[in-house]
Amino acid sequence: MLVGNSHVSGIEILRYIDGMFYCPRQCSRKYKYKKGLVRHLKYECGIEPQFKCPICGKTYKQPETFKMHLMSIHGVDKSFKQQ
């Protein structure tokens, strides 16, 4: 059941069907919350990893995962700013 549509960046339409938000780019990802889909579209869907660890070179698509890596693996303070 289609409940509603809304726009992201004025171009893409979010599909909300049976309580789930589906990616409009046909990658088959779906999310319970709109903010999860918006984060997916901004950082993940068809996008190369944007965050690279300056210590070990590992790359991440989402800033939260990158920051967690720095803190848990390298012991870097959470206020670290990437240059």
N, C-alpha and C. Protein backbone atom coordinates (compact mmCIF):
# COMPACT_ATOMS: atom_id res chain seq x y z
N MET A 1 0.84 -1.19 0.00
CA MET A 1 0.00 0.00 0.00
C MET A 1 0.88 1.24 0.00
N LEU A 2 0.71 2.11 -0.96
CA LEU A 2 1.46 3.35 -1.05
C LEU A 2 0.83 4.36 -0.12
N VAL A 3 1.64 4.89 0.80
CA VAL A 3 1.11 5.82 1.79
C VAL A 3 1.41 7.26 1.40
N GLY A 4 2.59 7.52 0.86
CA GLY A 4 2.91 8.89 0.50
C GLY A 4 4.24 9.00 -0.20
N ASN A 5 4.46 10.12 -0.84
CA ASN A 5 5.71 10.42 -1.53
C ASN A 5 6.27 11.72 -0.99
N SER A 6 7.56 11.87 -1.04
CA SER A 6 8.19 13.15 -0.72
C SER A 6 9.47 13.27 -1.54
N HIS A 7 9.99 14.47 -1.62
CA HIS A 7 11.15 14.72 -2.47
C HIS A 7 12.44 14.82 -1.66
N VAL A 8 13.53 14.35 -2.26
CA VAL A 8 14.88 14.52 -1.71
C VAL A 8 15.62 15.33 -2.74
N SER A 9 16.21 16.41 -2.36
CA SER A 9 16.95 17.29 -3.27
C SER A 9 16.06 17.78 -4.41
N GLY A 10 14.76 17.77 -4.24
CA GLY A 10 13.85 18.25 -5.26
C GLY A 10 13.76 17.39 -6.50
N ILE A 11 14.44 16.24 -6.52
CA ILE A 11 14.48 15.42 -7.72
C ILE A 11 13.91 14.03 -7.48
N GLU A 12 14.43 13.33 -6.50
CA GLU A 12 14.05 11.94 -6.28
C GLU A 12 12.80 11.83 -5.42
N ILE A 13 12.03 10.81 -5.69
CA ILE A 13 10.81 10.59 -4.92
C ILE A 13 11.03 9.40 -4.00
N LEU A 14 10.73 9.60 -2.72
CA LEU A 14 10.83 8.51 -1.76
C LEU A 14 9.54 7.70 -1.82
N ARG A 15 9.68 6.40 -1.94
CA ARG A 15 8.52 5.53 -1.96
C ARG A 15 8.32 4.94 -0.57
N TYR A 16 7.17 5.17 0.00
CA TYR A 16 6.81 4.65 1.32
C TYR A 16 5.71 3.62 1.12
N ILE A 17 6.09 2.35 1.20
CA ILE A 17 5.16 1.27 0.93
C ILE A 17 5.18 0.28 2.10
N ASP A 18 4.00 -0.04 2.59
CA ASP A 18 3.86 -1.00 3.69
C ASP A 18 4.79 -0.72 4.86
N GLY A 19 4.90 0.54 5.23
CA GLY A 19 5.69 0.92 6.40
C GLY A 19 7.18 0.99 6.18
N MET A 20 7.64 0.94 4.94
CA MET A 20 9.08 0.99 4.64
C MET A 20 9.36 2.05 3.57
N PHE A 21 10.52 2.70 3.69
CA PHE A 21 10.99 3.65 2.68
C PHE A 21 11.95 2.91 1.75
N TYR A 22 11.67 2.93 0.45
CA TYR A 22 12.47 2.23 -0.54
C TYR A 22 13.35 3.20 -1.31
N CYS A 23 14.57 2.77 -1.64
CA CYS A 23 15.49 3.61 -2.40
C CYS A 23 14.94 3.83 -3.81
N PRO A 24 14.87 5.09 -4.26
CA PRO A 24 14.35 5.38 -5.59
C PRO A 24 15.34 5.05 -6.71
N ARG A 25 16.57 4.69 -6.34
CA ARG A 25 17.59 4.39 -7.35
C ARG A 25 17.65 2.91 -7.70
N GLN A 26 16.66 2.15 -7.31
CA GLN A 26 16.54 0.73 -7.66
C GLN A 26 17.69 -0.14 -7.15
N CYS A 27 18.23 0.18 -5.98
CA CYS A 27 19.30 -0.65 -5.42
C CYS A 27 18.74 -1.68 -4.45
N SER A 28 17.45 -1.73 -4.28
CA SER A 28 16.72 -2.68 -3.45
C SER A 28 16.87 -2.47 -1.94
N ARG A 29 17.47 -1.37 -1.52
CA ARG A 29 17.57 -1.09 -0.08
C ARG A 29 16.25 -0.50 0.40
N LYS A 30 15.90 -0.83 1.63
CA LYS A 30 14.70 -0.27 2.23
C LYS A 30 14.97 0.02 3.70
N TYR A 31 14.26 1.01 4.22
CA TYR A 31 14.49 1.48 5.58
C TYR A 31 13.17 1.72 6.30
N LYS A 32 13.18 1.47 7.59
CA LYS A 32 11.99 1.71 8.39
C LYS A 32 11.77 3.20 8.59
N TYR A 33 12.86 3.95 8.70
CA TYR A 33 12.76 5.39 8.94
C TYR A 33 13.31 6.19 7.76
N LYS A 34 12.67 7.31 7.48
CA LYS A 34 13.07 8.17 6.37
C LYS A 34 14.51 8.64 6.51
N LYS A 35 14.94 8.95 7.75
CA LYS A 35 16.30 9.45 7.94
C LYS A 35 17.34 8.41 7.52
N GLY A 36 17.04 7.12 7.66
CA GLY A 36 17.95 6.08 7.20
C GLY A 36 18.11 6.09 5.69
N LEU A 37 17.01 6.27 4.98
CA LEU A 37 17.06 6.34 3.52
C LEU A 37 17.78 7.60 3.06
N VAL A 38 17.52 8.72 3.71
CA VAL A 38 18.18 9.98 3.34
C VAL A 38 19.70 9.84 3.53
N ARG A 39 20.13 9.22 4.63
CA ARG A 39 21.56 8.99 4.89
C ARG A 39 22.14 8.06 3.82
N HIS A 40 21.40 7.02 3.44
CA HIS A 40 21.82 6.09 2.40
C HIS A 40 22.04 6.83 1.07
N LEU A 41 21.10 7.69 0.70
CA LEU A 41 21.21 8.44 -0.56
C LEU A 41 22.37 9.42 -0.53
N LYS A 42 22.63 10.02 0.62
CA LYS A 42 23.69 11.03 0.74
C LYS A 42 25.09 10.42 0.74
N TYR A 43 25.27 9.28 1.42
CA TYR A 43 26.60 8.73 1.61
C TYR A 43 26.89 7.41 0.92
N GLU A 44 25.89 6.63 0.57
CA GLU A 44 26.14 5.26 0.14
C GLU A 44 25.77 4.92 -1.30
N CYS A 45 24.56 5.19 -1.70
CA CYS A 45 24.02 4.67 -2.96
C CYS A 45 24.78 5.19 -4.18
N GLY A 46 25.57 4.32 -4.77
CA GLY A 46 26.33 4.67 -5.96
C GLY A 46 27.48 5.64 -5.72
N ILE A 47 27.88 5.79 -4.46
CA ILE A 47 28.93 6.76 -4.11
C ILE A 47 30.13 6.01 -3.55
N GLU A 48 31.31 6.38 -3.99
CA GLU A 48 32.54 5.80 -3.46
C GLU A 48 32.75 6.28 -2.03
N PRO A 49 33.44 5.51 -1.20
CA PRO A 49 33.71 5.94 0.18
C PRO A 49 34.39 7.31 0.21
N GLN A 50 33.88 8.20 1.08
CA GLN A 50 34.39 9.57 1.15
C GLN A 50 35.33 9.80 2.32
N PHE A 51 35.39 8.86 3.25
CA PHE A 51 36.17 9.07 4.47
C PHE A 51 37.30 8.05 4.55
N LYS A 52 38.54 8.54 4.57
CA LYS A 52 39.71 7.66 4.59
C LYS A 52 40.49 7.88 5.87
N CYS A 53 40.80 6.80 6.55
CA CYS A 53 41.57 6.87 7.78
C CYS A 53 42.99 7.32 7.46
N PRO A 54 43.46 8.42 8.09
CA PRO A 54 44.81 8.90 7.82
C PRO A 54 45.89 8.01 8.44
N ILE A 55 45.49 7.08 9.30
CA ILE A 55 46.45 6.22 9.98
C ILE A 55 46.65 4.91 9.24
N CYS A 56 45.57 4.22 8.88
CA CYS A 56 45.70 2.91 8.24
C CYS A 56 45.20 2.86 6.80
N GLY A 57 44.53 3.92 6.35
CA GLY A 57 44.07 3.98 4.96
C GLY A 57 42.73 3.33 4.68
N LYS A 58 42.09 2.74 5.68
CA LYS A 58 40.79 2.11 5.47
C LYS A 58 39.76 3.18 5.13
N THR A 59 38.83 2.87 4.22
CA THR A 59 37.84 3.85 3.79
C THR A 59 36.44 3.50 4.30
N TYR A 60 35.64 4.55 4.47
CA TYR A 60 34.28 4.40 4.99
C TYR A 60 33.34 5.30 4.21
N LYS A 61 32.10 4.86 4.08
CA LYS A 61 31.09 5.65 3.38
C LYS A 61 30.38 6.62 4.31
N GLN A 62 30.24 6.27 5.58
CA GLN A 62 29.50 7.12 6.50
C GLN A 62 30.42 7.71 7.56
N PRO A 63 30.23 8.99 7.90
CA PRO A 63 31.11 9.64 8.87
C PRO A 63 31.04 9.02 10.26
N GLU A 64 29.88 8.53 10.67
CA GLU A 64 29.75 7.93 12.00
C GLU A 64 30.60 6.67 12.13
N THR A 65 30.61 5.84 11.08
CA THR A 65 31.40 4.62 11.09
C THR A 65 32.88 4.94 11.08
N PHE A 66 33.26 5.96 10.33
CA PHE A 66 34.65 6.41 10.28
C PHE A 66 35.12 6.88 11.65
N LYS A 67 34.31 7.69 12.33
CA LYS A 67 34.67 8.19 13.66
C LYS A 67 34.77 7.05 14.67
N MET A 68 33.85 6.08 14.57
CA MET A 68 33.91 4.92 15.47
C MET A 68 35.20 4.14 15.27
N HIS A 69 35.62 3.98 14.01
CA HIS A 69 36.87 3.30 13.69
C HIS A 69 38.05 4.01 14.34
N LEU A 70 38.11 5.33 14.19
CA LEU A 70 39.22 6.10 14.76
C LEU A 70 39.30 5.93 16.27
N MET A 71 38.16 5.96 16.93
CA MET A 71 38.14 5.84 18.39
C MET A 71 38.46 4.42 18.87
N SER A 72 37.83 3.42 18.26
CA SER A 72 37.98 2.05 18.76
C SER A 72 39.28 1.38 18.32
N ILE A 73 39.73 1.65 17.11
CA ILE A 73 40.93 0.99 16.60
C ILE A 73 42.20 1.77 16.91
N HIS A 74 42.14 3.09 16.78
CA HIS A 74 43.35 3.91 16.93
C HIS A 74 43.36 4.75 18.20
N GLY A 75 42.27 4.76 18.96
CA GLY A 75 42.22 5.52 20.21
C GLY A 75 42.22 7.02 20.01
N VAL A 76 41.77 7.47 18.85
CA VAL A 76 41.74 8.91 18.55
C VAL A 76 40.52 9.53 19.21
N ASP A 77 40.67 10.73 19.76
CA ASP A 77 39.59 11.45 20.41
C ASP A 77 38.45 11.71 19.44
N LYS A 78 37.21 11.67 19.94
CA LYS A 78 36.05 11.83 19.05
C LYS A 78 35.90 13.23 18.46
N SER A 79 36.65 14.19 18.95
CA SER A 79 36.60 15.54 18.40
C SER A 79 37.55 15.71 17.22
N PHE A 80 38.19 14.61 16.78
CA PHE A 80 39.12 14.62 15.65
C PHE A 80 38.46 15.21 14.41
N LYS A 81 39.16 16.10 13.73
CA LYS A 81 38.67 16.70 12.48
C LYS A 81 39.56 16.22 11.34
N GLN A 82 38.93 15.64 10.30
CA GLN A 82 39.70 15.18 9.15
C GLN A 82 40.11 16.38 8.32
N GLN A 83 41.33 16.36 7.81
CA GLN A 83 41.84 17.48 7.02
C GLN A 83 41.65 17.24 5.55
